[in-house]
Amino acid sequence: ATIAARKSITRRSTVRRGAVWAAW
């Protein structure tokens, strides 16, 4: 279920995960 949620979150995203992680 978590992997499925991750895919859904990716589809909704406009900013790369790495960019958010690095920024904060």
mmCIF file of all heavy atoms, coordinates in Angstrom:
data_MODEL
# 
_entry.id   MODEL 
# 
loop_
_atom_site.group_PDB 
_atom_site.id 
_atom_site.type_symbol 
_atom_site.label_atom_id 
_atom_site.label_alt_id 
_atom_site.label_comp_id 
_atom_site.label_asym_id 
_atom_site.label_entity_id 
_atom_site.label_seq_id 
_atom_site.pdbx_PDB_ins_code 
_atom_site.Cartn_x 
_atom_site.Cartn_y 
_atom_site.Cartn_z 
_atom_site.occupancy 
_atom_site.B_iso_or_equiv 
_atom_site.pdbx_formal_charge 
_atom_site.auth_seq_id 
_atom_site.auth_comp_id 
_atom_site.auth_asym_id 
_atom_site.auth_atom_id 
_atom_site.pdbx_PDB_model_num 
ATOM 1   N N   . ALA A 1 1  ? 0.833  -1.205 0.000   1.00 0.00 ? 1  ALA A N   1 
ATOM 2   C CA  . ALA A 1 1  ? 0.000  0.000  0.000   1.00 0.00 ? 1  ALA A CA  1 
ATOM 3   C C   . ALA A 1 1  ? 0.867  1.254  0.000   1.00 0.00 ? 1  ALA A C   1 
ATOM 4   O O   . ALA A 1 1  ? 0.516  2.266  -0.631  1.00 0.00 ? 1  ALA A O   1 
ATOM 5   C CB  . ALA A 1 1  ? -0.923 0.004  1.219   1.00 0.00 ? 1  ALA A CB  1 
ATOM 6   N N   . THR A 1 2  ? 2.007  1.199  0.676   1.00 0.00 ? 2  THR A N   1 
ATOM 7   C CA  . THR A 1 2  ? 2.893  2.362  0.743   1.00 0.00 ? 2  THR A CA  1 
ATOM 8   C C   . THR A 1 2  ? 3.530  2.644  -0.611  1.00 0.00 ? 2  THR A C   1 
ATOM 9   O O   . THR A 1 2  ? 3.648  3.811  -1.033  1.00 0.00 ? 2  THR A O   1 
ATOM 10  C CB  . THR A 1 2  ? 3.978  2.138  1.805   1.00 0.00 ? 2  THR A CB  1 
ATOM 11  O OG1 . THR A 1 2  ? 3.348  1.901  3.078   1.00 0.00 ? 2  THR A OG1 1 
ATOM 12  C CG2 . THR A 1 2  ? 4.892  3.346  1.922   1.00 0.00 ? 2  THR A CG2 1 
ATOM 13  N N   . ILE A 1 3  ? 3.934  1.602  -1.309  1.00 0.00 ? 3  ILE A N   1 
ATOM 14  C CA  . ILE A 1 3  ? 4.510  1.784  -2.642  1.00 0.00 ? 3  ILE A CA  1 
ATOM 15  C C   . ILE A 1 3  ? 3.470  2.340  -3.597  1.00 0.00 ? 3  ILE A C   1 
ATOM 16  O O   . ILE A 1 3  ? 3.756  3.225  -4.427  1.00 0.00 ? 3  ILE A O   1 
ATOM 17  C CB  . ILE A 1 3  ? 5.086  0.449  -3.158  1.00 0.00 ? 3  ILE A CB  1 
ATOM 18  C CG1 . ILE A 1 3  ? 6.321  0.058  -2.321  1.00 0.00 ? 3  ILE A CG1 1 
ATOM 19  C CG2 . ILE A 1 3  ? 5.468  0.550  -4.629  1.00 0.00 ? 3  ILE A CG2 1 
ATOM 20  C CD1 . ILE A 1 3  ? 6.831  -1.334 -2.595  1.00 0.00 ? 3  ILE A CD1 1 
ATOM 21  N N   . ALA A 1 4  ? 2.231  1.851  -3.489  1.00 0.00 ? 4  ALA A N   1 
ATOM 22  C CA  . ALA A 1 4  ? 1.149  2.389  -4.326  1.00 0.00 ? 4  ALA A CA  1 
ATOM 23  C C   . ALA A 1 4  ? 0.918  3.864  -4.023  1.00 0.00 ? 4  ALA A C   1 
ATOM 24  O O   . ALA A 1 4  ? 0.710  4.680  -4.931  1.00 0.00 ? 4  ALA A O   1 
ATOM 25  C CB  . ALA A 1 4  ? -0.130 1.583  -4.106  1.00 0.00 ? 4  ALA A CB  1 
ATOM 26  N N   . ALA A 1 5  ? 0.960  4.226  -2.739  1.00 0.00 ? 5  ALA A N   1 
ATOM 27  C CA  . ALA A 1 5  ? 0.788  5.629  -2.358  1.00 0.00 ? 5  ALA A CA  1 
ATOM 28  C C   . ALA A 1 5  ? 1.937  6.469  -2.899  1.00 0.00 ? 5  ALA A C   1 
ATOM 29  O O   . ALA A 1 5  ? 1.730  7.600  -3.348  1.00 0.00 ? 5  ALA A O   1 
ATOM 30  C CB  . ALA A 1 5  ? 0.710  5.748  -0.838  1.00 0.00 ? 5  ALA A CB  1 
ATOM 31  N N   . ARG A 1 6  ? 3.152  5.939  -2.861  1.00 0.00 ? 6  ARG A N   1 
ATOM 32  C CA  . ARG A 1 6  ? 4.304  6.672  -3.378  1.00 0.00 ? 6  ARG A CA  1 
ATOM 33  C C   . ARG A 1 6  ? 4.126  6.981  -4.861  1.00 0.00 ? 6  ARG A C   1 
ATOM 34  O O   . ARG A 1 6  ? 4.421  8.089  -5.331  1.00 0.00 ? 6  ARG A O   1 
ATOM 35  C CB  . ARG A 1 6  ? 5.582  5.854  -3.144  1.00 0.00 ? 6  ARG A CB  1 
ATOM 36  C CG  . ARG A 1 6  ? 6.855  6.556  -3.624  1.00 0.00 ? 6  ARG A CG  1 
ATOM 37  C CD  . ARG A 1 6  ? 8.090  5.699  -3.388  1.00 0.00 ? 6  ARG A CD  1 
ATOM 38  N NE  . ARG A 1 6  ? 9.280  6.372  -3.886  1.00 0.00 ? 6  ARG A NE  1 
ATOM 39  C CZ  . ARG A 1 6  ? 10.039 7.194  -3.175  1.00 0.00 ? 6  ARG A CZ  1 
ATOM 40  N NH1 . ARG A 1 6  ? 9.722  7.448  -1.918  1.00 0.00 ? 6  ARG A NH1 1 
ATOM 41  N NH2 . ARG A 1 6  ? 11.098 7.782  -3.700  1.00 0.00 ? 6  ARG A NH2 1 
ATOM 42  N N   . LYS A 1 7  ? 3.653  6.014  -5.628  1.00 0.00 ? 7  LYS A N   1 
ATOM 43  C CA  . LYS A 1 7  ? 3.425  6.230  -7.056  1.00 0.00 ? 7  LYS A CA  1 
ATOM 44  C C   . LYS A 1 7  ? 2.369  7.307  -7.282  1.00 0.00 ? 7  LYS A C   1 
ATOM 45  O O   . LYS A 1 7  ? 2.509  8.152  -8.179  1.00 0.00 ? 7  LYS A O   1 
ATOM 46  C CB  . LYS A 1 7  ? 3.015  4.922  -7.724  1.00 0.00 ? 7  LYS A CB  1 
ATOM 47  C CG  . LYS A 1 7  ? 4.121  3.872  -7.777  1.00 0.00 ? 7  LYS A CG  1 
ATOM 48  C CD  . LYS A 1 7  ? 3.631  2.582  -8.423  1.00 0.00 ? 7  LYS A CD  1 
ATOM 49  C CE  . LYS A 1 7  ? 4.738  1.545  -8.492  1.00 0.00 ? 7  LYS A CE  1 
ATOM 50  N NZ  . LYS A 1 7  ? 4.265  0.264  -9.063  1.00 0.00 ? 7  LYS A NZ  1 
ATOM 51  N N   . SER A 1 8  ? 1.321  7.283  -6.466  1.00 0.00 ? 8  SER A N   1 
ATOM 52  C CA  . SER A 1 8  ? 0.274  8.291  -6.581  1.00 0.00 ? 8  SER A CA  1 
ATOM 53  C C   . SER A 1 8  ? 0.804  9.674  -6.241  1.00 0.00 ? 8  SER A C   1 
ATOM 54  O O   . SER A 1 8  ? 0.489  10.661 -6.913  1.00 0.00 ? 8  SER A O   1 
ATOM 55  C CB  . SER A 1 8  ? -0.894 7.935  -5.652  1.00 0.00 ? 8  SER A CB  1 
ATOM 56  O OG  . SER A 1 8  ? -1.909 8.910  -5.701  1.00 0.00 ? 8  SER A OG  1 
ATOM 57  N N   . ILE A 1 9  ? 1.636  9.758  -5.205  1.00 0.00 ? 9  ILE A N   1 
ATOM 58  C CA  . ILE A 1 9  ? 2.248  11.034 -4.826  1.00 0.00 ? 9  ILE A CA  1 
ATOM 59  C C   . ILE A 1 9  ? 3.143  11.543 -5.950  1.00 0.00 ? 9  ILE A C   1 
ATOM 60  O O   . ILE A 1 9  ? 3.162  12.741 -6.262  1.00 0.00 ? 9  ILE A O   1 
ATOM 61  C CB  . ILE A 1 9  ? 3.035  10.878 -3.512  1.00 0.00 ? 9  ILE A CB  1 
ATOM 62  C CG1 . ILE A 1 9  ? 2.070  10.607 -2.351  1.00 0.00 ? 9  ILE A CG1 1 
ATOM 63  C CG2 . ILE A 1 9  ? 3.886  12.115 -3.223  1.00 0.00 ? 9  ILE A CG2 1 
ATOM 64  C CD1 . ILE A 1 9  ? 2.738  10.123 -1.078  1.00 0.00 ? 9  ILE A CD1 1 
ATOM 65  N N   . THR A 1 10 ? 3.880  10.646 -6.579  1.00 0.00 ? 10 THR A N   1 
ATOM 66  C CA  . THR A 1 10 ? 4.754  11.035 -7.688  1.00 0.00 ? 10 THR A CA  1 
ATOM 67  C C   . THR A 1 10 ? 3.951  11.639 -8.833  1.00 0.00 ? 10 THR A C   1 
ATOM 68  O O   . THR A 1 10 ? 4.349  12.648 -9.433  1.00 0.00 ? 10 THR A O   1 
ATOM 69  C CB  . THR A 1 10 ? 5.552  9.817  -8.196  1.00 0.00 ? 10 THR A CB  1 
ATOM 70  O OG1 . THR A 1 10 ? 6.377  9.323  -7.127  1.00 0.00 ? 10 THR A OG1 1 
ATOM 71  C CG2 . THR A 1 10 ? 6.436  10.196 -9.375  1.00 0.00 ? 10 THR A CG2 1 
ATOM 72  N N   . ARG A 1 11 ? 2.815  11.046 -9.134  1.00 0.00 ? 11 ARG A N   1 
ATOM 73  C CA  . ARG A 1 11 ? 1.977  11.560 -10.228 1.00 0.00 ? 11 ARG A CA  1 
ATOM 74  C C   . ARG A 1 11 ? 1.467  12.966 -9.929  1.00 0.00 ? 11 ARG A C   1 
ATOM 75  O O   . ARG A 1 11 ? 1.272  13.764 -10.853 1.00 0.00 ? 11 ARG A O   1 
ATOM 76  C CB  . ARG A 1 11 ? 0.796  10.617 -10.472 1.00 0.00 ? 11 ARG A CB  1 
ATOM 77  C CG  . ARG A 1 11 ? 1.177  9.292  -11.129 1.00 0.00 ? 11 ARG A CG  1 
ATOM 78  C CD  . ARG A 1 11 ? -0.053 8.562  -11.641 1.00 0.00 ? 11 ARG A CD  1 
ATOM 79  N NE  . ARG A 1 11 ? -0.944 8.173  -10.562 1.00 0.00 ? 11 ARG A NE  1 
ATOM 80  C CZ  . ARG A 1 11 ? -0.875 7.004  -9.916  1.00 0.00 ? 11 ARG A CZ  1 
ATOM 81  N NH1 . ARG A 1 11 ? 0.070  6.120  -10.249 1.00 0.00 ? 11 ARG A NH1 1 
ATOM 82  N NH2 . ARG A 1 11 ? -1.722 6.703  -8.950  1.00 0.00 ? 11 ARG A NH2 1 
ATOM 83  N N   . ARG A 1 12 ? 1.270  13.276 -8.661  1.00 0.00 ? 12 ARG A N   1 
ATOM 84  C CA  . ARG A 1 12 ? 0.746  14.592 -8.284  1.00 0.00 ? 12 ARG A CA  1 
ATOM 85  C C   . ARG A 1 12 ? 1.850  15.640 -8.128  1.00 0.00 ? 12 ARG A C   1 
ATOM 86  O O   . ARG A 1 12 ? 1.561  16.815 -7.986  1.00 0.00 ? 12 ARG A O   1 
ATOM 87  C CB  . ARG A 1 12 ? -0.019 14.488 -6.961  1.00 0.00 ? 12 ARG A CB  1 
ATOM 88  C CG  . ARG A 1 12 ? -1.284 13.634 -7.003  1.00 0.00 ? 12 ARG A CG  1 
ATOM 89  C CD  . ARG A 1 12 ? -2.005 13.749 -5.674  1.00 0.00 ? 12 ARG A CD  1 
ATOM 90  N NE  . ARG A 1 12 ? -3.260 13.026 -5.663  1.00 0.00 ? 12 ARG A NE  1 
ATOM 91  C CZ  . ARG A 1 12 ? -3.439 11.852 -5.055  1.00 0.00 ? 12 ARG A CZ  1 
ATOM 92  N NH1 . ARG A 1 12 ? -2.429 11.279 -4.424  1.00 0.00 ? 12 ARG A NH1 1 
ATOM 93  N NH2 . ARG A 1 12 ? -4.612 11.260 -5.077  1.00 0.00 ? 12 ARG A NH2 1 
ATOM 94  N N   . SER A 1 13 ? 3.094  15.209 -8.128  1.00 0.00 ? 13 SER A N   1 
ATOM 95  C CA  . SER A 1 13 ? 4.206  16.103 -7.793  1.00 0.00 ? 13 SER A CA  1 
ATOM 96  C C   . SER A 1 13 ? 4.648  16.950 -8.978  1.00 0.00 ? 13 SER A C   1 
ATOM 97  O O   . SER A 1 13 ? 4.613  16.507 -10.129 1.00 0.00 ? 13 SER A O   1 
ATOM 98  C CB  . SER A 1 13 ? 5.394  15.285 -7.277  1.00 0.00 ? 13 SER A CB  1 
ATOM 99  O OG  . SER A 1 13 ? 5.062  14.608 -6.080  1.00 0.00 ? 13 SER A OG  1 
ATOM 100 N N   . THR A 1 14 ? 5.085  18.155 -8.668  1.00 0.00 ? 14 THR A N   1 
ATOM 101 C CA  . THR A 1 14 ? 5.674  19.047 -9.672  1.00 0.00 ? 14 THR A CA  1 
ATOM 102 C C   . THR A 1 14 ? 7.114  19.402 -9.317  1.00 0.00 ? 14 THR A C   1 
ATOM 103 O O   . THR A 1 14 ? 7.798  20.053 -10.099 1.00 0.00 ? 14 THR A O   1 
ATOM 104 C CB  . THR A 1 14 ? 4.850  20.344 -9.799  1.00 0.00 ? 14 THR A CB  1 
ATOM 105 O OG1 . THR A 1 14 ? 4.855  21.028 -8.532  1.00 0.00 ? 14 THR A OG1 1 
ATOM 106 C CG2 . THR A 1 14 ? 3.413  20.046 -10.211 1.00 0.00 ? 14 THR A CG2 1 
ATOM 107 N N   . VAL A 1 15 ? 7.547  18.994 -8.118  1.00 0.00 ? 15 VAL A N   1 
ATOM 108 C CA  . VAL A 1 15 ? 8.904  19.256 -7.644  1.00 0.00 ? 15 VAL A CA  1 
ATOM 109 C C   . VAL A 1 15 ? 9.572  17.917 -7.354  1.00 0.00 ? 15 VAL A C   1 
ATOM 110 O O   . VAL A 1 15 ? 8.948  17.011 -6.788  1.00 0.00 ? 15 VAL A O   1 
ATOM 111 C CB  . VAL A 1 15 ? 8.901  20.126 -6.369  1.00 0.00 ? 15 VAL A CB  1 
ATOM 112 C CG1 . VAL A 1 15 ? 10.318 20.426 -5.913  1.00 0.00 ? 15 VAL A CG1 1 
ATOM 113 C CG2 . VAL A 1 15 ? 8.120  21.411 -6.597  1.00 0.00 ? 15 VAL A CG2 1 
ATOM 114 N N   . ARG A 1 16 ? 10.840 17.774 -7.748  1.00 0.00 ? 16 ARG A N   1 
ATOM 115 C CA  . ARG A 1 16 ? 11.550 16.521 -7.517  1.00 0.00 ? 16 ARG A CA  1 
ATOM 116 C C   . ARG A 1 16 ? 11.743 16.274 -6.015  1.00 0.00 ? 16 ARG A C   1 
ATOM 117 O O   . ARG A 1 16 ? 11.983 17.204 -5.240  1.00 0.00 ? 16 ARG A O   1 
ATOM 118 C CB  . ARG A 1 16 ? 12.910 16.545 -8.205  1.00 0.00 ? 16 ARG A CB  1 
ATOM 119 C CG  . ARG A 1 16 ? 12.859 16.513 -9.724  1.00 0.00 ? 16 ARG A CG  1 
ATOM 120 C CD  . ARG A 1 16 ? 14.263 16.425 -10.309 1.00 0.00 ? 16 ARG A CD  1 
ATOM 121 N NE  . ARG A 1 16 ? 15.110 17.544 -9.893  1.00 0.00 ? 16 ARG A NE  1 
ATOM 122 C CZ  . ARG A 1 16 ? 16.083 17.437 -8.996  1.00 0.00 ? 16 ARG A CZ  1 
ATOM 123 N NH1 . ARG A 1 16 ? 16.345 16.252 -8.413  1.00 0.00 ? 16 ARG A NH1 1 
ATOM 124 N NH2 . ARG A 1 16 ? 16.810 18.495 -8.680  1.00 0.00 ? 16 ARG A NH2 1 
ATOM 125 N N   . ARG A 1 17 ? 11.645 15.004 -5.635  1.00 0.00 ? 17 ARG A N   1 
ATOM 126 C CA  . ARG A 1 17 ? 11.836 14.638 -4.231  1.00 0.00 ? 17 ARG A CA  1 
ATOM 127 C C   . ARG A 1 17 ? 13.215 15.088 -3.736  1.00 0.00 ? 17 ARG A C   1 
ATOM 128 O O   . ARG A 1 17 ? 13.361 15.578 -2.620  1.00 0.00 ? 17 ARG A O   1 
ATOM 129 C CB  . ARG A 1 17 ? 11.690 13.133 -4.055  1.00 0.00 ? 17 ARG A CB  1 
ATOM 130 C CG  . ARG A 1 17 ? 10.317 12.586 -4.364  1.00 0.00 ? 17 ARG A CG  1 
ATOM 131 C CD  . ARG A 1 17 ? 10.314 11.063 -4.332  1.00 0.00 ? 17 ARG A CD  1 
ATOM 132 N NE  . ARG A 1 17 ? 9.082  10.530 -4.878  1.00 0.00 ? 17 ARG A NE  1 
ATOM 133 C CZ  . ARG A 1 17 ? 7.971  10.296 -4.186  1.00 0.00 ? 17 ARG A CZ  1 
ATOM 134 N NH1 . ARG A 1 17 ? 7.964  10.557 -2.894  1.00 0.00 ? 17 ARG A NH1 1 
ATOM 135 N NH2 . ARG A 1 17 ? 6.888  9.808  -4.763  1.00 0.00 ? 17 ARG A NH2 1 
ATOM 136 N N   . GLY A 1 18 ? 14.226 14.890 -4.582  1.00 0.00 ? 18 GLY A N   1 
ATOM 137 C CA  . GLY A 1 18 ? 15.575 15.268 -4.192  1.00 0.00 ? 18 GLY A CA  1 
ATOM 138 C C   . GLY A 1 18 ? 15.721 16.750 -3.942  1.00 0.00 ? 18 GLY A C   1 
ATOM 139 O O   . GLY A 1 18 ? 16.471 17.177 -3.059  1.00 0.00 ? 18 GLY A O   1 
ATOM 140 N N   . ALA A 1 19 ? 15.005 17.557 -4.713  1.00 0.00 ? 19 ALA A N   1 
ATOM 141 C CA  . ALA A 1 19 ? 15.084 19.003 -4.536  1.00 0.00 ? 19 ALA A CA  1 
ATOM 142 C C   . ALA A 1 19 ? 14.458 19.429 -3.211  1.00 0.00 ? 19 ALA A C   1 
ATOM 143 O O   . ALA A 1 19 ? 15.005 20.298 -2.503  1.00 0.00 ? 19 ALA A O   1 
ATOM 144 C CB  . ALA A 1 19 ? 14.389 19.701 -5.708  1.00 0.00 ? 19 ALA A CB  1 
ATOM 145 N N   . VAL A 1 20 ? 13.332 18.839 -2.853  1.00 0.00 ? 20 VAL A N   1 
ATOM 146 C CA  . VAL A 1 20 ? 12.702 19.168 -1.573  1.00 0.00 ? 20 VAL A CA  1 
ATOM 147 C C   . VAL A 1 20 ? 13.593 18.713 -0.416  1.00 0.00 ? 20 VAL A C   1 
ATOM 148 O O   . VAL A 1 20 ? 13.823 19.462 0.541   1.00 0.00 ? 20 VAL A O   1 
ATOM 149 C CB  . VAL A 1 20 ? 11.312 18.497 -1.475  1.00 0.00 ? 20 VAL A CB  1 
ATOM 150 C CG1 . VAL A 1 20 ? 10.736 18.673 -0.072  1.00 0.00 ? 20 VAL A CG1 1 
ATOM 151 C CG2 . VAL A 1 20 ? 10.362 19.078 -2.515  1.00 0.00 ? 20 VAL A CG2 1 
ATOM 152 N N   . TRP A 1 21 ? 14.133 17.506 -0.540  1.00 0.00 ? 21 TRP A N   1 
ATOM 153 C CA  . TRP A 1 21 ? 15.006 16.980 0.518   1.00 0.00 ? 21 TRP A CA  1 
ATOM 154 C C   . TRP A 1 21 ? 16.233 17.866 0.714   1.00 0.00 ? 21 TRP A C   1 
ATOM 155 O O   . TRP A 1 21 ? 16.578 18.247 1.839   1.00 0.00 ? 21 TRP A O   1 
ATOM 156 C CB  . TRP A 1 21 ? 15.416 15.556 0.163   1.00 0.00 ? 21 TRP A CB  1 
ATOM 157 C CG  . TRP A 1 21 ? 16.344 14.927 1.158   1.00 0.00 ? 21 TRP A CG  1 
ATOM 158 C CD1 . TRP A 1 21 ? 17.693 14.825 1.090   1.00 0.00 ? 21 TRP A CD1 1 
ATOM 159 C CD2 . TRP A 1 21 ? 15.980 14.305 2.397   1.00 0.00 ? 21 TRP A CD2 1 
ATOM 160 N NE1 . TRP A 1 21 ? 18.211 14.179 2.199   1.00 0.00 ? 21 TRP A NE1 1 
ATOM 161 C CE2 . TRP A 1 21 ? 17.173 13.858 3.009   1.00 0.00 ? 21 TRP A CE2 1 
ATOM 162 C CE3 . TRP A 1 21 ? 14.756 14.092 3.042   1.00 0.00 ? 21 TRP A CE3 1 
ATOM 163 C CZ2 . TRP A 1 21 ? 17.163 13.188 4.241   1.00 0.00 ? 21 TRP A CZ2 1 
ATOM 164 C CZ3 . TRP A 1 21 ? 14.760 13.427 4.278   1.00 0.00 ? 21 TRP A CZ3 1 
ATOM 165 C CH2 . TRP A 1 21 ? 15.940 12.989 4.848   1.00 0.00 ? 21 TRP A CH2 1 
ATOM 166 N N   . ALA A 1 22 ? 16.888 18.209 -0.379  1.00 0.00 ? 22 ALA A N   1 
ATOM 167 C CA  . ALA A 1 22 ? 18.104 19.020 -0.289  1.00 0.00 ? 22 ALA A CA  1 
ATOM 168 C C   . ALA A 1 22 ? 17.820 20.402 0.278   1.00 0.00 ? 22 ALA A C   1 
ATOM 169 O O   . ALA A 1 22 ? 18.609 20.957 1.057   1.00 0.00 ? 22 ALA A O   1 
ATOM 170 C CB  . ALA A 1 22 ? 18.754 19.138 -1.672  1.00 0.00 ? 22 ALA A CB  1 
ATOM 171 N N   . ALA A 1 23 ? 16.692 20.971 -0.112  1.00 0.00 ? 23 ALA A N   1 
ATOM 172 C CA  . ALA A 1 23 ? 16.369 22.329 0.327   1.00 0.00 ? 23 ALA A CA  1 
ATOM 173 C C   . ALA A 1 23 ? 16.121 22.412 1.827   1.00 0.00 ? 23 ALA A C   1 
ATOM 174 O O   . ALA A 1 23 ? 16.456 23.414 2.479   1.00 0.00 ? 23 ALA A O   1 
ATOM 175 C CB  . ALA A 1 23 ? 15.149 22.849 -0.438  1.00 0.00 ? 23 ALA A CB  1 
ATOM 176 N N   . TRP A 1 24 ? 15.545 21.365 2.417   1.00 0.00 ? 24 TRP A N   1 
ATOM 177 C CA  . TRP A 1 24 ? 15.114 21.467 3.804   1.00 0.00 ? 24 TRP A CA  1 
ATOM 178 C C   . TRP A 1 24 ? 15.978 20.728 4.800   1.00 0.00 ? 24 TRP A C   1 
ATOM 179 O O   . TRP A 1 24 ? 15.942 21.030 5.993   1.00 0.00 ? 24 TRP A O   1 
ATOM 180 C CB  . TRP A 1 24 ? 13.648 21.034 3.920   1.00 0.00 ? 24 TRP A CB  1 
ATOM 181 C CG  . TRP A 1 24 ? 12.760 22.042 3.278   1.00 0.00 ? 24 TRP A CG  1 
ATOM 182 C CD1 . TRP A 1 24 ? 12.236 21.999 2.034   1.00 0.00 ? 24 TRP A CD1 1 
ATOM 183 C CD2 . TRP A 1 24 ? 12.377 23.295 3.834   1.00 0.00 ? 24 TRP A CD2 1 
ATOM 184 N NE1 . TRP A 1 24 ? 11.526 23.157 1.779   1.00 0.00 ? 24 TRP A NE1 1 
ATOM 185 C CE2 . TRP A 1 24 ? 11.590 23.962 2.874   1.00 0.00 ? 24 TRP A CE2 1 
ATOM 186 C CE3 . TRP A 1 24 ? 12.596 23.924 5.068   1.00 0.00 ? 24 TRP A CE3 1 
ATOM 187 C CZ2 . TRP A 1 24 ? 11.032 25.218 3.112   1.00 0.00 ? 24 TRP A CZ2 1 
ATOM 188 C CZ3 . TRP A 1 24 ? 12.051 25.164 5.308   1.00 0.00 ? 24 TRP A CZ3 1 
ATOM 189 C CH2 . TRP A 1 24 ? 11.269 25.803 4.323   1.00 0.00 ? 24 TRP A CH2 1 
# 
